[in-house]
Amino acid sequence: MYSAKVDKATGVVCDQSVALNGFKAAKDDPEHLRRVRFKDPMGKTLIFLTNNTALSAPVIAQLYKNRWQVELFFKWIKQHLRIKKFWAPARTQ
């Protein structure tokens, strides 16, 4: 495990490069992963695991936090509007 230097003023506690160990993990996912630990202003610690090495640790934390808000929004819609499934047109590339 390798830890990169971080600016703790951004809320990032650590930015580490990790490798999953075990036969199946090494065979199926040989890449190193990135583990970003973030402490939000309320004091809650969040840990994000990603394979994105191009973005900075604070950006990774913000993207995951934003994504979680989207998930909570869909959960609210399903609970309050009684929607069981969402249908979308297939993407064409």
Protein backbone atom coordinates (compact mmCIF):
# COMPACT_ATOMS: atom_id res chain seq x y z
CA MET A 1 0.00 0.00 0.00
CA TYR A 2 1.30 3.42 -0.97
CA SER A 3 0.07 6.68 0.58
CA ALA A 4 0.30 9.92 -1.36
CA LYS A 5 0.80 13.27 0.32
CA VAL A 6 -2.51 15.08 0.97
CA ASP A 7 -3.65 18.53 1.98
CA LYS A 8 -5.79 17.83 5.04
CA ALA A 9 -7.41 21.27 4.73
CA THR A 10 -9.40 19.83 1.79
CA GLY A 11 -10.95 17.19 4.05
CA VAL A 12 -8.93 14.36 2.52
CA VAL A 13 -7.37 12.29 5.29
CA CYS A 14 -5.46 9.87 3.07
CA ASP A 15 -5.02 8.93 -0.59
CA GLN A 16 -3.70 5.40 -0.96
CA SER A 17 -2.90 2.98 -3.75
CA VAL A 18 -4.02 -0.52 -2.78
CA ALA A 19 -4.01 -3.95 -4.37
CA LEU A 20 -6.59 -6.59 -3.61
CA ASN A 21 -5.00 -9.81 -2.47
CA GLY A 22 -6.30 -13.30 -2.86
CA PHE A 23 -6.31 -15.57 -5.88
CA LYS A 24 -9.62 -14.50 -7.39
CA ALA A 25 -9.01 -10.78 -6.85
CA ALA A 26 -5.52 -10.93 -8.39
CA LYS A 27 -6.82 -12.91 -11.37
CA ASP A 28 -9.99 -10.88 -12.04
CA ASP A 29 -8.74 -7.40 -11.16
CA PRO A 30 -4.95 -7.12 -11.38
CA GLU A 31 -4.99 -3.29 -11.34
CA HIS A 32 -4.19 -1.29 -8.27
CA LEU A 33 -7.11 0.59 -6.80
CA ARG A 34 -7.23 3.93 -5.10
CA ARG A 35 -8.61 4.38 -1.59
CA VAL A 36 -9.53 7.93 -0.60
CA ARG A 37 -10.54 8.65 2.98
CA PHE A 38 -12.42 11.91 3.44
CA LYS A 39 -13.74 13.64 6.54
CA ASP A 40 -16.72 15.90 5.87
CA PRO A 41 -17.37 19.16 7.77
CA MET A 42 -19.80 17.33 10.08
CA GLY A 43 -16.99 14.97 11.14
CA LYS A 44 -18.26 11.92 9.25
CA THR A 45 -15.52 9.80 7.68
CA LEU A 46 -16.20 8.50 4.17
CA ILE A 47 -14.02 5.99 2.32
CA PHE A 48 -14.10 5.76 -1.47
CA LEU A 49 -12.56 2.99 -3.57
CA THR A 50 -11.95 3.74 -7.25
CA ASN A 51 -9.73 2.83 -10.17
CA ASN A 52 -9.49 6.48 -11.28
CA THR A 53 -5.93 7.71 -10.84
CA ALA A 54 -6.23 10.81 -13.04
CA LEU A 55 -8.40 12.97 -10.77
CA SER A 56 -7.30 14.55 -7.51
CA ALA A 57 -8.44 13.05 -4.21
CA PRO A 58 -10.74 16.01 -3.32
CA VAL A 59 -12.44 15.72 -6.74
CA ILE A 60 -12.94 11.96 -6.25
CA ALA A 61 -14.54 12.61 -2.86
CA GLN A 62 -16.84 15.30 -4.27
CA LEU A 63 -17.92 13.12 -7.21
CA TYR A 64 -18.84 10.23 -4.93
CA LYS A 65 -20.69 12.52 -2.54
CA ASN A 66 -22.66 13.98 -5.47
CA ARG A 67 -23.41 10.51 -6.80
CA TRP A 68 -24.79 9.51 -3.41
CA GLN A 69 -27.18 12.48 -3.50
CA VAL A 70 -28.49 11.22 -6.86
CA GLU A 71 -29.06 7.77 -5.35
CA LEU A 72 -30.96 9.30 -2.42
CA PHE A 73 -33.09 11.31 -4.86
CA PHE A 74 -34.06 8.16 -6.81
CA LYS A 75 -34.84 6.39 -3.55
CA TRP A 76 -37.13 9.28 -2.54
CA ILE A 77 -38.89 9.19 -5.92
CA LYS A 78 -39.50 5.45 -5.67
CA GLN A 79 -40.83 5.72 -2.13
CA HIS A 80 -43.06 8.77 -2.56
CA LEU A 81 -44.27 8.40 -6.13
CA ARG A 82 -44.65 4.61 -5.95
CA ILE A 83 -42.49 4.01 -9.01
CA LYS A 84 -41.09 0.48 -9.16
CA LYS A 85 -38.81 0.78 -12.21
CA PHE A 86 -37.21 3.48 -14.29
CA TRP A 87 -37.15 3.02 -18.04
CA ALA A 88 -34.77 4.89 -20.30
CA PRO A 89 -34.00 4.60 -23.99
CA ALA A 90 -30.97 2.50 -24.81
CA ARG A 91 -27.78 4.43 -25.41
CA THR A 92 -26.27 4.19 -28.85
CA GLN A 93 -22.63 4.96 -29.29
